[in-house]
Amino acid sequence: MRRILFIALLALSGLAARASYLLIPMDDTQTNHLKAYGVAYWVLQQQTEVDWLLNYQGGSFMFPYSRKFESELNVRGVSYQVISDAQQVQIEGQVSQPDVNMDVMRLDKPPKIAVYSPKSKQPWDDAVTMVLVYAEIPYETVYDGEVLDGKLPTYDWLHLHHEDFTGQHGKFYRTHGNTPWYRAIQKEDEGTAAKYGFGKVSQMKLSVVKKVRDFCAGGGFLFAMCSAADTYDIALSADGVDICESVYDGDPSDPNAQKKLDFNNTFAFQNFTLNRDPFDLESSDIDNQPYERGLSEGNDFFSLFQFSAKWDPIPTMLTQNHQTVVKGFLGQTTGFKKNLLKPDVVVMGETRSINEVKYIHGTMGKGTWTFYGGHDPEDYQHLVNEEATDLTLHPNSAGYRLILNNILFPAARKKKQKT
């Protein structure tokens, strides 16, 4: 009997040795890239640290084995490998070699996520919200009231829904001014402005923009897509200048507004020209319009830059992917003209053939910001009133992966190597 027990204990100890870690590969072998990020976030919620293996099999995740974690991987349909201590040491040694473009970042706690979005948001409104729900990553919704009440510092990461921070309601008046959703947004914005003592929506939005700037400067992580990216900088540049026509705020804009813009206030863009037409959806010349781009769905792609994992870990994390060439997609702001970027902006993705940048990054005080052009990575045009994208049909979306890289980025720290 003792011999049987001894053999059983040996077998169990051998199983434990073989099942010391779980590795989630993020290359083409992964069945569900998007939910893999959700698993990594969930493991952090269980107070277990996760290693992010930069440039190893597409930016894989690795963490200690438990049956609970393995069960969750199976429930969510995420591919994984059970590896031993020896294999974990081998992998960590491989990525730490000075002559390979890999590294290990330690994710230590789940970031608290906020999505800046109006209560009247429609299902087709925001790719970030959709992918957070699909990946099962929790978030809280904030809007102007919460921002003006000073609640942003309670969060680690903030996404800006495709807002128009100039106070012109997306310049949709001509095309959608009589629709219920447009009137709901207008009513909500005007009501909040009045509540907080602002005479105009544009004045309220400028105050919100400044609160977001302070959040970032204090160490927050900011992410924006579509029109939120360029109108954010436009609003900062137009501090104290009326750029709204009477259809939006009841009085004419300043005829000298262009000359009064202050590009020292902006995050990413400079020397841009305002679009003064109140009925044209474009707010400035930052965005490449369709006739300028000359591309269609069949030939619209952007390329991700390759960075040094050991020397430039932040852009390396933000560009982790199983594809280096990603399908393009349109938006109210599709991409940014490269010649209008500030010199210190880090370009992480671009369409070189048309000199358009798609994915950019920079620092602001103690924090960082990332801007991503376009509306929905898996719906090329995504018109108003279309149904929300079904992400169960796109579990390996390279375009959506870039969003989720930003979600985990605030949790990352350089892992100390064992001596």
Protein backbone atom coordinates (compact mmCIF):
# COMPACT_ATOMS: atom_id res chain seq x y z
CA MET A 1 0.00 0.00 0.00
CA ARG A 2 2.83 2.37 0.90
CA ARG A 3 4.47 1.65 -2.44
CA ILE A 4 1.24 2.47 -4.31
CA LEU A 5 0.86 5.73 -2.39
CA PHE A 6 4.49 6.62 -3.10
CA ILE A 7 4.03 5.98 -6.81
CA ALA A 8 0.83 8.05 -6.82
CA LEU A 9 2.60 10.95 -5.10
CA LEU A 10 5.41 10.75 -7.60
CA ALA A 11 2.91 10.84 -10.45
CA LEU A 12 1.13 13.85 -8.97
CA SER A 13 4.39 15.69 -8.36
CA GLY A 14 5.47 14.91 -11.91
CA LEU A 15 2.16 16.27 -13.25
CA ALA A 16 2.63 19.44 -11.22
CA ALA A 17 6.13 19.84 -12.64
CA ARG A 18 4.80 19.43 -16.17
CA ALA A 19 1.92 21.84 -15.59
CA SER A 20 3.63 24.82 -14.00
CA TYR A 21 2.64 27.54 -16.47
CA LEU A 22 0.03 28.42 -19.06
CA LEU A 23 1.18 29.97 -22.32
CA ILE A 24 -1.30 31.79 -24.56
CA PRO A 25 0.26 32.03 -28.04
CA MET A 26 -0.77 35.12 -29.99
CA ASP A 27 0.48 34.15 -33.43
CA ASP A 28 -1.59 32.59 -36.23
CA THR A 29 -2.21 29.47 -34.11
CA GLN A 30 -4.48 31.39 -31.72
CA THR A 31 -8.19 30.64 -32.19
CA ASN A 32 -9.45 33.79 -30.49
CA HIS A 33 -7.00 36.68 -30.16
CA LEU A 34 -9.57 39.13 -28.80
CA LYS A 35 -10.81 36.95 -25.95
CA ALA A 36 -7.18 36.13 -25.06
CA TYR A 37 -6.80 39.72 -23.87
CA GLY A 38 -9.89 39.27 -21.75
CA VAL A 39 -8.38 36.17 -20.14
CA ALA A 40 -5.16 38.05 -19.37
CA TYR A 41 -7.21 40.82 -17.75
CA TRP A 42 -9.28 38.27 -15.80
CA VAL A 43 -6.14 36.56 -14.49
CA LEU A 44 -4.93 39.94 -13.22
CA GLN A 45 -8.27 40.30 -11.44
CA GLN A 46 -7.46 37.03 -9.64
CA GLN A 47 -4.39 38.78 -8.19
CA THR A 48 -2.02 36.79 -10.38
CA GLU A 49 0.64 38.53 -12.43
CA VAL A 50 0.94 37.91 -16.18
CA ASP A 51 4.05 38.03 -18.35
CA TRP A 52 3.60 39.70 -21.73
CA LEU A 53 6.19 38.21 -24.07
CA LEU A 54 6.86 40.97 -26.56
CA ASN A 55 7.41 39.72 -30.12
CA TYR A 56 7.32 36.09 -28.95
CA GLN A 57 4.72 34.25 -31.04
CA GLY A 58 2.84 37.45 -31.76
CA GLY A 59 3.02 38.89 -28.24
CA SER A 60 2.08 35.88 -26.11
CA PHE A 61 0.90 35.81 -22.49
CA MET A 62 2.27 33.50 -19.79
CA PHE A 63 1.23 32.98 -16.16
CA PRO A 64 1.30 30.29 -13.44
CA TYR A 65 -0.82 27.23 -13.99
CA SER A 66 -4.04 26.57 -12.12
CA ARG A 67 -7.02 24.41 -13.01
CA LYS A 68 -9.22 27.46 -12.56
CA PHE A 69 -7.26 29.38 -15.20
CA GLU A 70 -7.23 26.43 -17.58
CA SER A 71 -10.96 26.02 -17.22
CA GLU A 72 -11.51 29.71 -18.03
CA LEU A 73 -9.39 29.41 -21.16
CA ASN A 74 -11.50 26.49 -22.31
CA VAL A 75 -14.79 28.27 -21.54
CA ARG A 76 -13.73 31.33 -23.56
CA GLY A 77 -12.36 29.32 -26.47
CA VAL A 78 -8.80 30.61 -26.22
CA SER A 79 -5.90 28.45 -27.41
CA TYR A 80 -3.19 27.71 -24.84
CA GLN A 81 -0.31 25.40 -23.97
CA VAL A 82 0.53 23.87 -20.60
CA ILE A 83 4.28 24.13 -20.07
CA SER A 84 6.74 23.11 -17.36
CA ASP A 85 9.05 25.20 -15.22
CA ALA A 86 11.93 24.26 -17.48
CA GLN A 87 10.04 25.42 -20.58
CA GLN A 88 9.11 28.69 -18.86
CA VAL A 89 12.75 29.34 -17.99
CA GLN A 90 13.77 28.50 -21.54
CA ILE A 91 11.24 30.92 -23.04
CA GLU A 92 12.19 33.70 -20.66
CA GLY A 93 15.85 33.13 -21.44
CA GLN A 94 15.17 33.23 -25.17
CA VAL A 95 13.29 36.53 -25.12
CA SER A 96 15.89 38.10 -22.81
CA GLN A 97 18.82 37.42 -25.14
CA PRO A 98 20.43 40.76 -26.13
CA ASP A 99 20.57 39.84 -29.82
CA VAL A 100 16.84 39.13 -30.27
CA ASN A 101 14.09 41.73 -30.61
CA MET A 102 12.00 40.37 -27.75
CA ASP A 103 11.45 41.14 -24.10
CA VAL A 104 9.23 40.41 -21.09
CA MET A 105 6.85 42.92 -19.54
CA ARG A 106 5.13 42.11 -16.27
CA LEU A 107 1.42 42.92 -16.00
CA ASP A 108 0.73 43.38 -12.31
CA LYS A 109 -2.83 44.66 -11.84
CA PRO A 110 -5.93 45.22 -13.96
CA PRO A 111 -6.26 48.86 -15.02
CA LYS A 112 -9.49 50.65 -14.16
CA ILE A 113 -11.09 51.58 -17.48
CA ALA A 114 -13.39 54.45 -18.38
CA VAL A 115 -15.12 55.06 -21.70
CA TYR A 116 -16.15 58.66 -22.37
CA SER A 117 -19.45 58.22 -24.17
CA PRO A 118 -22.90 59.87 -24.24
CA LYS A 119 -25.88 58.11 -22.72
CA SER A 120 -27.59 58.30 -26.12
CA LYS A 121 -24.84 56.25 -27.80
CA GLN A 122 -26.06 53.81 -30.43
CA PRO A 123 -24.73 50.21 -30.83
CA TRP A 124 -22.80 51.18 -33.96
CA ASP A 125 -21.16 54.10 -32.25
CA ASP A 126 -17.96 52.78 -30.74
CA ALA A 127 -15.53 50.00 -31.62
CA VAL A 128 -13.79 50.15 -28.24
CA THR A 129 -17.01 49.53 -26.31
CA MET A 130 -17.87 46.61 -28.59
CA VAL A 131 -14.49 44.91 -28.21
CA LEU A 132 -14.45 45.41 -24.44
CA VAL A 133 -17.81 43.68 -24.19
CA TYR A 134 -16.69 40.87 -26.51
CA ALA A 135 -13.39 40.34 -24.67
CA GLU A 136 -15.28 40.44 -21.34
CA ILE A 137 -13.21 43.30 -19.95
CA PRO A 138 -15.12 45.51 -17.49
CA TYR A 139 -15.37 49.27 -17.92
CA GLU A 140 -17.35 52.23 -16.64
CA THR A 141 -19.00 54.91 -18.76
CA VAL A 142 -18.36 58.58 -18.05
CA TYR A 143 -19.44 61.68 -19.91
CA ASP A 144 -19.23 65.42 -19.50
CA GLY A 145 -20.84 65.53 -16.06
CA GLU A 146 -18.50 62.97 -14.55
CA VAL A 147 -15.48 64.63 -16.15
CA LEU A 148 -16.46 68.10 -14.92
CA ASP A 149 -17.09 66.65 -11.45
CA GLY A 150 -13.41 65.62 -11.35
CA LYS A 151 -13.83 61.83 -11.47
CA LEU A 152 -11.19 61.07 -14.12
CA PRO A 153 -8.29 60.65 -11.65
CA THR A 154 -10.05 57.57 -10.24
CA TYR A 155 -9.34 55.73 -13.51
CA ASP A 156 -6.12 54.47 -15.11
CA TRP A 157 -7.21 54.41 -18.77
CA LEU A 158 -9.64 56.60 -20.67
CA HIS A 159 -11.08 56.09 -24.13
CA LEU A 160 -12.68 58.98 -25.98
CA HIS A 161 -15.74 57.88 -27.93
CA HIS A 162 -15.74 59.45 -31.43
CA GLU A 163 -16.77 62.79 -29.99
CA ASP A 164 -16.74 66.23 -31.60
CA PHE A 165 -14.93 68.30 -28.99
CA THR A 166 -15.41 71.52 -30.96
CA GLY A 167 -19.07 71.68 -29.90
CA GLN A 168 -20.48 71.23 -33.42
CA HIS A 169 -22.18 67.86 -32.82
CA GLY A 170 -20.08 66.16 -35.49
CA LYS A 171 -21.23 68.75 -38.04
CA PHE A 172 -24.13 66.39 -38.81
CA TYR A 173 -26.78 69.13 -38.87
CA ARG A 174 -27.44 69.06 -42.63
CA THR A 175 -27.52 65.28 -42.99
CA HIS A 176 -29.03 64.18 -39.65
CA GLY A 177 -30.29 67.31 -37.88
CA ASN A 178 -33.86 66.02 -37.72
CA THR A 179 -33.13 62.48 -36.57
CA PRO A 180 -34.01 61.42 -33.00
CA TRP A 181 -30.44 60.40 -32.16
CA TYR A 182 -29.02 63.77 -33.24
CA ARG A 183 -31.63 65.70 -31.28
CA ALA A 184 -31.00 63.51 -28.24
CA ILE A 185 -27.27 64.24 -28.32
CA GLN A 186 -27.90 67.95 -28.82
CA LYS A 187 -30.38 68.06 -25.94
CA GLU A 188 -28.04 66.13 -23.66
CA ASP A 189 -25.07 68.40 -24.43
CA GLU A 190 -27.02 71.64 -24.08
CA GLY A 191 -28.59 70.47 -20.82
CA THR A 192 -25.23 69.57 -19.30
CA ALA A 193 -23.69 72.86 -20.46
CA ALA A 194 -26.48 74.83 -18.79
CA LYS A 195 -26.23 72.75 -15.61
CA TYR A 196 -22.54 73.58 -15.22
CA GLY A 197 -22.94 77.25 -16.06
CA PHE A 198 -21.66 77.30 -19.64
CA GLY A 199 -23.37 79.49 -22.21
CA LYS A 200 -22.36 77.22 -25.11
CA VAL A 201 -21.70 73.54 -25.69
CA SER A 202 -18.31 74.46 -27.21
CA GLN A 203 -17.28 76.14 -23.95
CA MET A 204 -18.27 73.07 -21.97
CA LYS A 205 -16.41 70.73 -24.34
CA LEU A 206 -13.27 72.88 -24.03
CA SER A 207 -13.45 72.53 -20.25
CA VAL A 208 -13.82 68.75 -20.66
CA VAL A 209 -10.82 68.68 -23.01
CA LYS A 210 -8.73 70.50 -20.41
CA LYS A 211 -9.80 68.03 -17.70
CA VAL A 212 -8.74 65.18 -19.98
CA ARG A 213 -5.41 66.93 -20.57
CA ASP A 214 -4.89 67.19 -16.81
CA PHE A 215 -5.77 63.50 -16.41
CA CYS A 216 -3.12 62.61 -18.96
CA ALA A 217 -0.51 64.98 -17.53
CA GLY A 218 -1.04 63.45 -14.10
CA GLY A 219 -0.16 59.96 -15.32
CA GLY A 220 -3.32 58.75 -17.06
CA PHE A 221 -3.42 56.75 -20.27
CA LEU A 222 -5.54 58.30 -23.03
CA PHE A 223 -6.83 56.56 -26.15
CA ALA A 224 -8.96 58.13 -28.89
CA MET A 225 -10.33 57.00 -32.23
CA CYS A 226 -11.99 58.61 -35.24
CA SER A 227 -13.10 62.25 -34.81
CA ALA A 228 -12.20 62.32 -31.12
CA ALA A 229 -8.52 62.43 -32.08
CA ASP A 230 -8.45 65.48 -34.34
CA THR A 231 -11.30 67.48 -32.76
CA TYR A 232 -9.57 67.09 -29.39
CA ASP A 233 -6.51 68.93 -30.69
CA ILE A 234 -8.63 71.42 -32.62
CA ALA A 235 -10.47 72.34 -29.42
CA LEU A 236 -7.18 72.80 -27.54
CA SER A 237 -5.78 75.01 -30.30
CA ALA A 238 -8.95 77.15 -30.33
CA ASP A 239 -8.97 77.92 -26.60
CA GLY A 240 -10.79 81.25 -26.32
CA VAL A 241 -11.62 81.40 -30.05
CA ASP A 242 -15.15 80.97 -31.43
CA ILE A 243 -14.91 78.50 -34.34
CA CYS A 244 -18.62 77.48 -34.34
CA GLU A 245 -21.14 78.95 -36.77
CA SER A 246 -24.56 80.15 -35.62
CA VAL A 247 -26.35 76.90 -36.51
CA TYR A 248 -24.44 75.30 -33.60
CA ASP A 249 -24.09 78.07 -31.01
CA GLY A 250 -26.39 80.91 -32.04
CA ASP A 251 -23.79 83.41 -33.21
CA PRO A 252 -21.20 83.66 -36.03
CA SER A 253 -17.70 82.30 -35.66
CA ASP A 254 -14.68 84.56 -35.34
CA PRO A 255 -13.67 85.51 -38.91
CA ASN A 256 -10.02 85.53 -37.78
CA ALA A 257 -10.23 82.19 -35.99
CA GLN A 258 -7.60 80.48 -38.14
CA LYS A 259 -4.96 83.10 -37.30
CA LYS A 260 -5.72 82.81 -33.59
CA LEU A 261 -5.14 79.07 -33.27
CA ASP A 262 -2.37 78.18 -30.80
CA PHE A 263 -0.64 74.94 -31.82
CA ASN A 264 1.48 75.00 -28.66
CA ASN A 265 -1.60 73.68 -26.84
CA THR A 266 -2.07 70.54 -28.95
CA PHE A 267 -0.96 66.95 -28.37
CA ALA A 268 -0.30 65.64 -31.88
CA PHE A 269 -1.09 68.09 -34.69
CA GLN A 270 0.13 71.49 -35.81
CA ASN A 271 -0.22 73.93 -38.70
CA PHE A 272 -3.60 72.54 -39.71
CA THR A 273 -6.34 74.58 -41.38
CA LEU A 274 -9.91 74.68 -40.08
CA ASN A 275 -12.78 73.69 -42.34
CA ARG A 276 -15.12 76.66 -41.89
CA ASP A 277 -18.08 75.10 -43.73
CA PRO A 278 -20.62 74.29 -40.96
CA PHE A 279 -22.22 71.55 -43.05
CA ASP A 280 -19.06 69.72 -44.17
CA LEU A 281 -18.32 66.75 -41.92
CA GLU A 282 -14.59 67.48 -41.94
CA SER A 283 -13.41 69.76 -39.13
CA SER A 284 -9.99 70.51 -40.61
CA ASP A 285 -7.45 69.28 -43.13
CA ILE A 286 -5.86 66.89 -40.60
CA ASP A 287 -7.92 64.03 -42.00
CA ASN A 288 -7.38 62.62 -45.48
CA GLN A 289 -10.67 62.79 -47.37
CA PRO A 290 -11.67 59.98 -49.78
CA TYR A 291 -10.77 61.95 -52.93
CA GLU A 292 -7.32 62.62 -51.45
CA ARG A 293 -6.74 59.00 -50.46
CA GLY A 294 -7.57 57.38 -53.80
CA LEU A 295 -8.02 53.98 -52.14
CA SER A 296 -10.84 51.46 -51.93
CA GLU A 297 -11.56 48.56 -49.61
CA GLY A 298 -9.60 46.19 -51.81
CA ASN A 299 -6.30 48.07 -51.61
CA ASP A 300 -6.56 49.99 -48.33
CA PHE A 301 -3.94 48.73 -45.85
CA PHE A 302 -1.58 50.22 -43.31
CA SER A 303 1.73 48.84 -42.05
CA LEU A 304 2.80 48.59 -38.43
CA PHE A 305 6.27 49.81 -37.50
CA GLN A 306 8.72 47.48 -35.80
CA PHE A 307 10.34 48.83 -32.64
CA SER A 308 13.10 47.63 -30.35
CA ALA A 309 11.43 45.62 -27.59
CA LYS A 310 14.28 46.26 -25.18
CA TRP A 311 14.78 49.97 -25.91
CA ASP A 312 11.27 51.06 -26.98
CA PRO A 313 8.94 48.80 -24.98
CA ILE A 314 5.92 51.14 -25.07
CA PRO A 315 5.42 51.33 -28.87
CA THR A 316 6.43 47.67 -29.03
CA MET A 317 3.57 46.76 -26.70
CA LEU A 318 1.13 48.92 -28.59
CA THR A 319 1.97 47.27 -31.93
CA GLN A 320 1.92 43.61 -30.83
CA ASN A 321 0.12 41.66 -33.52
CA HIS A 322 0.09 38.50 -35.59
CA GLN A 323 0.01 40.65 -38.75
CA THR A 324 2.27 43.55 -39.68
CA VAL A 325 0.00 44.72 -42.51
CA VAL A 326 -3.53 45.55 -41.33
CA LYS A 327 -6.72 46.22 -43.27
CA GLY A 328 -7.61 49.91 -43.47
CA PHE A 329 -11.03 51.25 -42.50
CA LEU A 330 -12.82 54.56 -42.84
CA GLY A 331 -14.29 56.95 -40.30
CA GLN A 332 -15.32 60.53 -39.93
CA THR A 333 -11.60 60.86 -39.32
CA THR A 334 -9.91 58.05 -41.26
CA GLY A 335 -6.21 58.90 -41.07
CA PHE A 336 -3.89 61.79 -40.36
CA LYS A 337 -1.71 63.77 -42.77
CA LYS A 338 1.88 63.04 -41.83
CA ASN A 339 3.09 66.58 -42.58
CA LEU A 340 0.77 67.97 -39.88
CA LEU A 341 2.25 65.89 -37.04
CA LYS A 342 4.39 67.46 -34.36
CA PRO A 343 8.06 66.36 -34.48
CA ASP A 344 7.94 64.30 -31.28
CA VAL A 345 4.94 62.16 -32.29
CA VAL A 346 5.71 58.44 -32.59
CA VAL A 347 4.23 56.95 -35.76
CA MET A 348 3.26 53.31 -35.18
CA GLY A 349 1.22 52.60 -38.31
CA GLU A 350 0.98 54.29 -41.69
CA THR A 351 -0.08 53.97 -45.31
CA ARG A 352 3.11 55.16 -46.96
CA SER A 353 1.74 55.27 -50.48
CA ILE A 354 -0.48 58.23 -49.58
CA ASN A 355 1.65 59.68 -46.75
CA GLU A 356 -1.08 58.95 -44.21
CA VAL A 357 -0.53 57.92 -40.60
CA LYS A 358 -3.12 55.71 -38.92
CA TYR A 359 -1.80 54.95 -35.46
CA ILE A 360 0.25 57.42 -33.38
CA HIS A 361 1.48 57.84 -29.83
CA GLY A 362 3.05 60.42 -27.56
CA THR A 363 3.60 61.57 -23.99
CA MET A 364 1.93 64.32 -22.03
CA GLY A 365 3.41 65.08 -18.63
CA LYS A 366 3.52 61.83 -16.66
CA GLY A 367 1.01 60.12 -18.95
CA THR A 368 0.61 59.03 -22.55
CA TRP A 369 -1.87 59.36 -25.39
CA THR A 370 -2.59 57.17 -28.42
CA PHE A 371 -4.69 58.17 -31.44
CA TYR A 372 -6.08 55.60 -33.91
CA GLY A 373 -7.76 56.77 -37.14
CA GLY A 374 -11.00 55.24 -38.41
CA HIS A 375 -14.25 54.02 -36.90
CA ASP A 376 -14.52 50.21 -36.97
CA PRO A 377 -11.60 47.91 -37.89
CA GLU A 378 -13.94 45.22 -39.26
CA ASP A 379 -16.49 47.36 -41.12
CA TYR A 380 -14.79 49.30 -43.88
CA GLN A 381 -17.27 52.16 -44.17
CA HIS A 382 -19.75 51.59 -41.31
CA LEU A 383 -22.55 53.99 -42.13
CA VAL A 384 -24.84 55.65 -39.61
CA ASN A 385 -27.70 53.37 -38.45
CA GLU A 386 -25.94 50.16 -39.50
CA GLU A 387 -26.03 47.25 -37.09
CA ALA A 388 -23.17 46.80 -34.67
CA THR A 389 -20.31 44.60 -35.89
CA ASP A 390 -20.61 40.98 -34.74
CA LEU A 391 -17.17 40.28 -33.31
CA THR A 392 -17.87 36.56 -33.07
CA LEU A 393 -17.18 36.65 -36.82
CA HIS A 394 -13.82 38.41 -36.29
CA PRO A 395 -12.11 36.77 -33.26
CA ASN A 396 -8.67 37.20 -34.86
CA SER A 397 -9.02 40.82 -35.97
CA ALA A 398 -5.61 42.47 -36.26
CA GLY A 399 -7.23 45.91 -36.27
CA TYR A 400 -9.09 45.27 -33.04
CA ARG A 401 -5.96 43.83 -31.42
CA LEU A 402 -4.38 47.28 -31.55
CA ILE A 403 -7.21 48.60 -29.36
CA LEU A 404 -6.73 45.82 -26.82
CA ASN A 405 -2.97 46.37 -26.67
CA ASN A 406 -3.81 49.79 -25.28
CA ILE A 407 -6.12 48.27 -22.66
CA LEU A 408 -3.35 46.17 -21.09
CA PHE A 409 -0.56 48.72 -21.56
CA PRO A 410 -1.25 50.59 -18.27
CA ALA A 411 -0.68 47.37 -16.30
CA ALA A 412 2.80 46.78 -17.72
CA ARG A 413 6.09 47.10 -15.87
CA LYS A 414 9.57 46.08 -16.91
CA LYS A 415 10.16 42.65 -15.41
CA LYS A 416 13.25 42.32 -13.24
CA GLN A 417 15.51 39.56 -14.47
CA LYS A 418 16.63 36.88 -12.02
CA THR A 419 20.27 37.01 -11.03
